[in-house]
């Protein structure tokens, strides 16, 4: 890798011993996932790699996270249904989970309709149903407002 002066710069991310990798993120979407997962609040090591070369996608983002963390696969699938979550223990891949566009979103997005019951009843869950898979359209369960 070269810097602005054209001289070589070493780029290295250590091998993950225990944790997981959020892989195959569409290039440019890694920061959005980083914010949704509140990774800046973690004490664990986190590496966000952007615009990494990928044979399958051309370019992609990925996030490596040390330690345990609960990850909402529906939220990841909503942001990008091509994401893969790879679980690593003792330096070995022990599980691989693929995300998909979920049929229902629960407390992932909020209804924008100020007259929706969810705006006045704080204890109600924010629920959206997938109504158009091809265009990735979700509608509020209560008022039909699109997400």
N, C-alpha and C. Protein backbone atom coordinates (compact mmCIF):
# COMPACT_ATOMS: atom_id res chain seq x y z
N UNK A 1 0.85 -1.16 0.00
CA UNK A 1 0.00 0.00 0.00
C UNK A 1 0.90 1.23 0.00
N UNK A 2 0.49 2.28 -0.66
CA UNK A 2 1.27 3.51 -0.73
C UNK A 2 0.50 4.65 -0.09
N UNK A 3 1.25 5.59 0.51
CA UNK A 3 0.60 6.78 1.05
C UNK A 3 0.62 7.88 0.00
N UNK A 4 0.24 9.10 0.37
CA UNK A 4 0.14 10.21 -0.59
C UNK A 4 1.49 10.55 -1.22
N UNK A 5 2.58 10.27 -0.51
CA UNK A 5 3.91 10.55 -1.03
C UNK A 5 4.43 9.45 -1.94
N UNK A 6 3.67 8.36 -2.06
CA UNK A 6 4.09 7.25 -2.90
C UNK A 6 4.95 6.24 -2.19
N UNK A 7 5.27 6.48 -0.91
CA UNK A 7 6.09 5.51 -0.20
C UNK A 7 5.20 4.40 0.36
N UNK A 8 5.80 3.27 0.62
CA UNK A 8 5.07 2.10 1.05
C UNK A 8 4.65 2.22 2.51
N UNK A 9 3.41 1.81 2.80
CA UNK A 9 2.87 1.81 4.15
C UNK A 9 2.35 0.41 4.43
N UNK A 10 2.74 -0.16 5.58
CA UNK A 10 2.28 -1.51 5.92
C UNK A 10 0.88 -1.43 6.50
N UNK A 11 0.03 -2.36 6.08
CA UNK A 11 -1.34 -2.44 6.55
C UNK A 11 -1.55 -3.85 7.10
N UNK A 12 -1.90 -3.94 8.38
CA UNK A 12 -2.02 -5.27 8.97
C UNK A 12 -3.12 -5.29 10.03
N UNK A 13 -3.95 -6.32 9.96
CA UNK A 13 -4.94 -6.58 11.00
C UNK A 13 -4.66 -7.99 11.49
N UNK A 14 -4.40 -8.11 12.80
CA UNK A 14 -4.04 -9.41 13.37
C UNK A 14 -5.16 -10.43 13.22
N UNK A 15 -4.75 -11.69 13.24
CA UNK A 15 -5.68 -12.80 13.19
C UNK A 15 -6.59 -12.75 14.41
N UNK A 16 -7.85 -13.03 14.21
CA UNK A 16 -8.83 -13.03 15.28
C UNK A 16 -8.80 -14.38 15.99
N UNK A 17 -8.62 -14.37 17.31
CA UNK A 17 -8.59 -15.60 18.09
C UNK A 17 -9.98 -15.97 18.59
N UNK A 18 -10.70 -15.00 19.14
CA UNK A 18 -12.05 -15.22 19.66
C UNK A 18 -12.90 -13.99 19.35
N UNK A 19 -13.99 -14.22 18.66
CA UNK A 19 -14.87 -13.12 18.30
C UNK A 19 -15.61 -13.47 17.04
N UNK A 20 -15.89 -12.46 16.23
CA UNK A 20 -16.56 -12.73 14.97
C UNK A 20 -16.25 -11.67 13.94
N UNK A 21 -16.53 -12.03 12.71
CA UNK A 21 -16.30 -11.15 11.57
C UNK A 21 -17.64 -10.95 10.88
N UNK A 22 -17.99 -9.70 10.65
CA UNK A 22 -19.16 -9.38 9.84
C UNK A 22 -18.60 -9.11 8.45
N UNK A 23 -18.86 -10.02 7.54
CA UNK A 23 -18.22 -10.01 6.22
C UNK A 23 -19.24 -9.77 5.12
N UNK A 24 -18.74 -9.46 3.95
CA UNK A 24 -19.54 -9.23 2.74
C UNK A 24 -20.51 -8.06 2.89
N UNK A 25 -20.08 -7.03 3.62
CA UNK A 25 -20.88 -5.82 3.76
C UNK A 25 -20.69 -5.00 2.48
N UNK A 26 -21.76 -4.49 1.92
CA UNK A 26 -21.65 -3.65 0.73
C UNK A 26 -20.70 -2.50 1.02
N UNK A 27 -19.80 -2.22 0.09
CA UNK A 27 -18.82 -1.15 0.27
C UNK A 27 -19.53 0.15 0.64
N UNK A 28 -19.08 0.76 1.73
CA UNK A 28 -19.67 2.01 2.19
C UNK A 28 -20.71 1.84 3.29
N UNK A 29 -21.16 0.61 3.56
CA UNK A 29 -22.19 0.38 4.58
C UNK A 29 -21.62 -0.01 5.94
N UNK A 30 -20.32 -0.24 6.02
CA UNK A 30 -19.70 -0.67 7.27
C UNK A 30 -19.87 0.33 8.40
N UNK A 31 -19.78 1.61 8.09
CA UNK A 31 -19.92 2.64 9.13
C UNK A 31 -21.33 2.62 9.71
N UNK A 32 -22.32 2.41 8.86
CA UNK A 32 -23.72 2.35 9.32
C UNK A 32 -23.90 1.19 10.31
N UNK A 33 -23.33 0.04 10.00
CA UNK A 33 -23.43 -1.11 10.90
C UNK A 33 -22.65 -0.84 12.18
N UNK A 34 -21.48 -0.25 12.06
CA UNK A 34 -20.66 0.12 13.22
C UNK A 34 -21.49 0.98 14.18
N UNK A 35 -22.21 1.97 13.64
CA UNK A 35 -23.04 2.85 14.47
C UNK A 35 -24.23 2.12 15.06
N UNK A 36 -24.93 1.29 14.27
CA UNK A 36 -26.09 0.55 14.77
C UNK A 36 -25.71 -0.39 15.90
N UNK A 37 -24.55 -1.02 15.81
CA UNK A 37 -24.09 -1.94 16.85
C UNK A 37 -23.42 -1.22 18.03
N UNK A 38 -23.25 0.10 17.91
CA UNK A 38 -22.60 0.91 18.94
C UNK A 38 -21.23 0.37 19.30
N UNK A 39 -20.47 0.02 18.27
CA UNK A 39 -19.15 -0.57 18.48
C UNK A 39 -18.15 0.40 19.09
N UNK A 40 -18.42 1.70 18.98
CA UNK A 40 -17.54 2.69 19.59
C UNK A 40 -17.61 2.64 21.12
N UNK A 41 -18.65 2.01 21.67
CA UNK A 41 -18.81 1.90 23.12
C UNK A 41 -18.14 0.65 23.69
N UNK A 42 -17.67 -0.24 22.83
CA UNK A 42 -17.03 -1.48 23.28
C UNK A 42 -15.63 -1.24 23.80
N UNK A 43 -15.23 -2.06 24.75
CA UNK A 43 -13.84 -2.05 25.23
C UNK A 43 -13.01 -3.06 24.44
N UNK A 44 -13.69 -3.92 23.67
CA UNK A 44 -13.03 -4.95 22.86
C UNK A 44 -12.37 -4.32 21.64
N UNK A 45 -11.44 -5.07 21.05
CA UNK A 45 -10.83 -4.62 19.81
C UNK A 45 -11.83 -4.73 18.66
N UNK A 46 -11.88 -3.68 17.83
CA UNK A 46 -12.77 -3.65 16.67
C UNK A 46 -11.98 -3.10 15.49
N UNK A 47 -12.08 -3.78 14.36
CA UNK A 47 -11.44 -3.29 13.13
C UNK A 47 -12.52 -3.15 12.07
N UNK A 48 -12.68 -1.95 11.54
CA UNK A 48 -13.59 -1.68 10.42
C UNK A 48 -12.73 -1.48 9.19
N UNK A 49 -12.88 -2.37 8.23
CA UNK A 49 -12.13 -2.29 6.99
C UNK A 49 -13.09 -1.89 5.88
N UNK A 50 -12.71 -0.88 5.12
CA UNK A 50 -13.59 -0.37 4.07
C UNK A 50 -12.94 -0.53 2.70
N UNK A 51 -13.80 -0.79 1.72
CA UNK A 51 -13.37 -0.90 0.33
C UNK A 51 -12.27 -1.93 0.12
N UNK A 52 -12.41 -3.07 0.79
CA UNK A 52 -11.47 -4.17 0.65
C UNK A 52 -11.78 -4.91 -0.64
N UNK A 53 -10.73 -5.34 -1.35
CA UNK A 53 -10.96 -6.08 -2.60
C UNK A 53 -11.71 -7.37 -2.31
N UNK A 54 -12.64 -7.71 -3.21
CA UNK A 54 -13.43 -8.92 -3.09
C UNK A 54 -13.65 -9.50 -4.47
N UNK A 55 -13.35 -10.80 -4.62
CA UNK A 55 -13.59 -11.44 -5.91
C UNK A 55 -15.07 -11.47 -6.25
N UNK A 56 -15.89 -11.70 -5.25
CA UNK A 56 -17.33 -11.84 -5.46
C UNK A 56 -18.04 -10.51 -5.68
N UNK A 57 -17.66 -9.46 -4.93
CA UNK A 57 -18.37 -8.18 -4.96
C UNK A 57 -17.57 -7.02 -5.57
N UNK A 58 -16.33 -7.24 -5.90
CA UNK A 58 -15.48 -6.14 -6.37
C UNK A 58 -14.85 -5.43 -5.19
N UNK A 59 -15.69 -4.77 -4.40
CA UNK A 59 -15.26 -4.10 -3.17
C UNK A 59 -16.27 -4.40 -2.08
N UNK A 60 -15.81 -4.46 -0.84
CA UNK A 60 -16.69 -4.73 0.29
C UNK A 60 -16.10 -4.09 1.54
N UNK A 61 -16.92 -4.00 2.59
CA UNK A 61 -16.47 -3.61 3.92
C UNK A 61 -16.54 -4.86 4.79
N UNK A 62 -15.78 -4.87 5.88
CA UNK A 62 -15.92 -5.93 6.87
C UNK A 62 -15.54 -5.39 8.23
N UNK A 63 -16.08 -6.03 9.26
CA UNK A 63 -15.83 -5.62 10.64
C UNK A 63 -15.38 -6.85 11.42
N UNK A 64 -14.24 -6.72 12.12
CA UNK A 64 -13.74 -7.79 13.00
C UNK A 64 -13.92 -7.31 14.43
N UNK A 65 -14.52 -8.17 15.26
CA UNK A 65 -14.81 -7.80 16.64
C UNK A 65 -14.28 -8.89 17.57
N UNK A 66 -13.44 -8.49 18.54
CA UNK A 66 -12.93 -9.44 19.53
C UNK A 66 -13.98 -9.65 20.61
N UNK A 67 -14.05 -10.89 21.12
CA UNK A 67 -14.93 -11.18 22.24
C UNK A 67 -16.36 -11.49 21.82
N UNK A 68 -17.22 -11.57 22.82
CA UNK A 68 -18.63 -11.91 22.59
C UNK A 68 -19.48 -10.66 22.49
N UNK A 69 -20.45 -10.73 21.62
CA UNK A 69 -21.40 -9.64 21.44
C UNK A 69 -22.63 -10.25 20.78
N UNK A 70 -23.79 -9.83 21.21
CA UNK A 70 -25.01 -10.30 20.58
C UNK A 70 -25.28 -9.44 19.36
N UNK A 71 -25.44 -10.09 18.23
CA UNK A 71 -25.66 -9.37 16.98
C UNK A 71 -27.06 -9.71 16.45
N UNK A 72 -27.82 -8.69 16.12
CA UNK A 72 -29.17 -8.86 15.59
C UNK A 72 -29.07 -9.15 14.09
N UNK A 73 -29.27 -10.42 13.72
CA UNK A 73 -29.16 -10.81 12.32
C UNK A 73 -30.23 -10.15 11.46
N UNK A 74 -31.42 -9.89 12.04
CA UNK A 74 -32.47 -9.19 11.28
C UNK A 74 -32.04 -7.77 10.93
N UNK A 75 -31.41 -7.08 11.90
CA UNK A 75 -30.93 -5.72 11.64
C UNK A 75 -29.87 -5.74 10.54
N UNK A 76 -28.94 -6.69 10.62
CA UNK A 76 -27.90 -6.79 9.59
C UNK A 76 -28.52 -7.11 8.24
N UNK A 77 -29.49 -8.03 8.21
CA UNK A 77 -30.16 -8.39 6.97
C UNK A 77 -30.95 -7.24 6.37
N UNK A 78 -31.50 -6.39 7.23
CA UNK A 78 -32.22 -5.19 6.76
C UNK A 78 -31.26 -4.21 6.09
N UNK A 79 -30.10 -4.02 6.69
CA UNK A 79 -29.11 -3.10 6.13
C UNK A 79 -28.52 -3.68 4.85
N UNK A 80 -28.17 -4.97 4.88
CA UNK A 80 -27.56 -5.61 3.71
C UNK A 80 -27.81 -7.12 3.80
N UNK A 81 -28.71 -7.66 2.98
CA UNK A 81 -29.05 -9.08 3.08
C UNK A 81 -27.96 -10.04 2.60
N UNK A 82 -26.82 -9.53 2.15
CA UNK A 82 -25.72 -10.39 1.70
C UNK A 82 -24.64 -10.61 2.75
N UNK A 83 -24.83 -10.05 3.93
CA UNK A 83 -23.84 -10.14 5.00
C UNK A 83 -23.71 -11.57 5.51
N UNK A 84 -22.47 -11.94 5.85
CA UNK A 84 -22.18 -13.21 6.50
C UNK A 84 -21.53 -12.90 7.85
N UNK A 85 -21.97 -13.59 8.90
CA UNK A 85 -21.37 -13.44 10.22
C UNK A 85 -20.59 -14.72 10.51
N UNK A 86 -19.28 -14.57 10.71
CA UNK A 86 -18.39 -15.70 10.94
C UNK A 86 -17.96 -15.69 12.41
N UNK A 87 -18.23 -16.78 13.12
CA UNK A 87 -17.88 -16.90 14.53
C UNK A 87 -16.55 -17.63 14.64
N UNK A 88 -15.60 -17.05 15.41
CA UNK A 88 -14.26 -17.60 15.55
C UNK A 88 -13.99 -17.90 17.02
N UNK A 89 -13.54 -19.12 17.29
CA UNK A 89 -13.13 -19.54 18.65
C UNK A 89 -11.77 -20.22 18.54
N UNK A 90 -10.85 -19.83 19.40
CA UNK A 90 -9.49 -20.38 19.42
C UNK A 90 -8.85 -20.34 18.03
N UNK A 91 -9.10 -19.26 17.31
CA UNK A 91 -8.49 -19.05 16.00
C UNK A 91 -9.12 -19.83 14.86
N UNK A 92 -10.20 -20.58 15.14
CA UNK A 92 -10.85 -21.41 14.12
C UNK A 92 -12.29 -20.95 13.89
N UNK A 93 -12.73 -21.02 12.64
CA UNK A 93 -14.13 -20.71 12.31
C UNK A 93 -14.99 -21.85 12.83
N UNK A 94 -15.95 -21.53 13.71
CA UNK A 94 -16.82 -22.58 14.24
C UNK A 94 -18.25 -22.47 13.72
N UNK A 95 -18.60 -21.31 13.15
CA UNK A 95 -19.96 -21.15 12.64
C UNK A 95 -19.98 -20.01 11.63
N UNK A 96 -20.87 -20.14 10.67
CA UNK A 96 -21.07 -19.11 9.66
C UNK A 96 -22.56 -18.91 9.50
N UNK A 97 -23.02 -17.68 9.66
CA UNK A 97 -24.44 -17.38 9.55
C UNK A 97 -24.64 -16.37 8.43
N UNK A 98 -25.55 -16.69 7.54
CA UNK A 98 -25.87 -15.77 6.45
C UNK A 98 -27.14 -15.01 6.80
N UNK A 99 -27.15 -13.74 6.47
CA UNK A 99 -28.33 -12.94 6.74
C UNK A 99 -29.23 -12.95 5.50
N UNK A 100 -30.45 -12.52 5.72
CA UNK A 100 -31.40 -12.38 4.63
C UNK A 100 -32.31 -11.21 4.96
N UNK A 101 -33.01 -10.74 3.98
CA UNK A 101 -33.98 -9.67 4.20
C UNK A 101 -35.09 -10.24 5.09
N UNK A 102 -35.25 -9.73 6.31
CA UNK A 102 -36.24 -10.32 7.21
C UNK A 102 -37.67 -9.99 6.79
N UNK A 103 -38.60 -10.87 7.11
CA UNK A 103 -40.01 -10.64 6.81
C UNK A 103 -40.61 -9.59 7.73
N UNK A 104 -40.05 -9.46 8.93
CA UNK A 104 -40.56 -8.52 9.92
C UNK A 104 -39.40 -7.84 10.64
N UNK A 105 -39.55 -6.56 10.89
CA UNK A 105 -38.58 -5.80 11.68
C UNK A 105 -39.23 -5.44 13.00
N UNK A 106 -38.56 -5.73 14.10
CA UNK A 106 -39.08 -5.39 15.42
C UNK A 106 -38.04 -4.53 16.14
N UNK A 107 -38.41 -3.30 16.41
CA UNK A 107 -37.55 -2.32 17.10
C UNK A 107 -36.21 -2.10 16.41
N UNK A 108 -36.24 -2.12 15.10
CA UNK A 108 -35.03 -1.83 14.32
C UNK A 108 -35.12 -0.45 13.69
N UNK A 109 -36.30 -0.09 13.20
CA UNK A 109 -36.56 1.25 12.68
C UNK A 109 -37.80 1.79 13.38
N UNK A 110 -37.94 3.10 13.39
CA UNK A 110 -39.09 3.75 14.03
C UNK A 110 -40.03 4.31 12.97
N UNK A 111 -41.32 4.30 13.30
CA UNK A 111 -42.32 4.84 12.39
C UNK A 111 -42.18 6.37 12.32
N UNK A 112 -42.22 6.89 11.11
CA UNK A 112 -42.06 8.33 10.89
C UNK A 112 -43.38 9.09 10.96
N UNK A 113 -44.50 8.35 11.00
CA UNK A 113 -45.82 8.97 11.01
C UNK A 113 -46.12 9.52 12.40
N UNK A 114 -46.24 10.86 12.55
CA UNK A 114 -46.49 11.43 13.88
C UNK A 114 -47.87 11.05 14.45
N UNK A 115 -48.79 10.59 13.59
CA UNK A 115 -50.13 10.20 14.05
C UNK A 115 -50.23 8.70 14.35
N UNK A 116 -49.15 7.97 14.15
CA UNK A 116 -49.14 6.53 14.43
C UNK A 116 -49.24 6.31 15.94
N UNK A 117 -49.90 5.25 16.33
CA UNK A 117 -50.06 4.94 17.76
C UNK A 117 -48.71 4.74 18.44
N UNK A 118 -47.69 4.32 17.68
CA UNK A 118 -46.37 4.12 18.29
C UNK A 118 -45.73 5.45 18.70
N UNK A 119 -46.22 6.56 18.15
CA UNK A 119 -45.69 7.88 18.53
C UNK A 119 -46.22 8.32 19.89
N UNK A 120 -47.42 7.84 20.26
CA UNK A 120 -48.01 8.25 21.53
C UNK A 120 -47.94 7.17 22.61
N UNK A 121 -47.83 5.93 22.20
CA UNK A 121 -47.77 4.81 23.15
C UNK A 121 -46.34 4.25 23.14
N UNK A 122 -45.50 4.77 24.00
CA UNK A 122 -44.07 4.44 24.01
C UNK A 122 -43.79 2.96 24.27
N UNK A 123 -44.69 2.27 24.96
CA UNK A 123 -44.43 0.87 25.29
C UNK A 123 -44.68 -0.08 24.11
N UNK A 124 -45.31 0.40 23.06
CA UNK A 124 -45.56 -0.44 21.88
C UNK A 124 -44.26 -0.68 21.12
N UNK A 125 -44.12 -1.89 20.60
CA UNK A 125 -42.95 -2.20 19.79
C UNK A 125 -43.11 -1.55 18.41
N UNK A 126 -42.00 -1.21 17.83
CA UNK A 126 -41.98 -0.68 16.47
C UNK A 126 -41.92 -1.88 15.53
N UNK A 127 -43.01 -2.19 14.86
CA UNK A 127 -43.07 -3.36 14.00
C UNK A 127 -43.34 -2.95 12.55
N UNK A 128 -42.56 -3.53 11.66
CA UNK A 128 -42.72 -3.30 10.22
C UNK A 128 -42.71 -4.63 9.50
N UNK A 129 -43.59 -4.77 8.52
CA UNK A 129 -43.68 -5.98 7.72
C UNK A 129 -43.14 -5.72 6.32
N UNK A 130 -42.43 -6.68 5.78
CA UNK A 130 -41.91 -6.58 4.42
C UNK A 130 -43.09 -6.73 3.46
N UNK A 131 -43.36 -5.69 2.67
CA UNK A 131 -44.50 -5.72 1.75
C UNK A 131 -44.08 -5.81 0.30
N UNK A 132 -42.82 -5.49 0.01
CA UNK A 132 -42.32 -5.56 -1.36
C UNK A 132 -40.85 -5.96 -1.30
N UNK A 133 -40.60 -7.26 -1.45
CA UNK A 133 -39.23 -7.80 -1.33
C UNK A 133 -38.31 -7.23 -2.40
N UNK A 134 -38.77 -7.12 -3.63
CA UNK A 134 -37.93 -6.65 -4.74
C UNK A 134 -37.42 -5.23 -4.50
N UNK A 135 -38.25 -4.38 -3.91
CA UNK A 135 -37.87 -2.98 -3.66
C UNK A 135 -37.51 -2.72 -2.21
N UNK A 136 -37.49 -3.77 -1.40
CA UNK A 136 -37.13 -3.69 0.02
C UNK A 136 -37.99 -2.67 0.77
N UNK A 137 -39.32 -2.79 0.60
CA UNK A 137 -40.25 -1.87 1.24
C UNK A 137 -40.86 -2.53 2.48
N UNK A 138 -40.76 -1.83 3.60
CA UNK A 138 -41.38 -2.26 4.85
C UNK A 138 -42.45 -1.25 5.23
N UNK A 139 -43.56 -1.75 5.81
CA UNK A 139 -44.65 -0.89 6.24
C UNK A 139 -44.97 -1.15 7.71
N UNK A 140 -45.30 -0.07 8.41
CA UNK A 140 -45.65 -0.14 9.82
C UNK A 140 -46.87 -1.04 9.99
N UNK A 141 -46.82 -1.92 10.98
CA UNK A 141 -47.92 -2.83 11.28
C UNK A 141 -49.18 -2.07 11.67
N UNK A 142 -49.02 -0.92 12.30
CA UNK A 142 -50.15 -0.17 12.85
C UNK A 142 -50.77 0.82 11.88
N UNK A 143 -49.93 1.51 11.09
CA UNK A 143 -50.48 2.61 10.25
C UNK A 143 -50.13 2.49 8.77
N UNK A 144 -49.35 1.49 8.38
CA UNK A 144 -48.97 1.26 7.00
C UNK A 144 -47.95 2.26 6.42
N UNK A 145 -47.39 3.12 7.27
CA UNK A 145 -46.35 4.06 6.83
C UNK A 145 -45.12 3.26 6.41
N UNK A 146 -44.48 3.63 5.30
CA UNK A 146 -43.27 2.93 4.89
C UNK A 146 -42.09 3.36 5.74
N UNK A 147 -41.17 2.44 5.91
CA UNK A 147 -39.98 2.72 6.73
C UNK A 147 -38.98 3.56 5.97
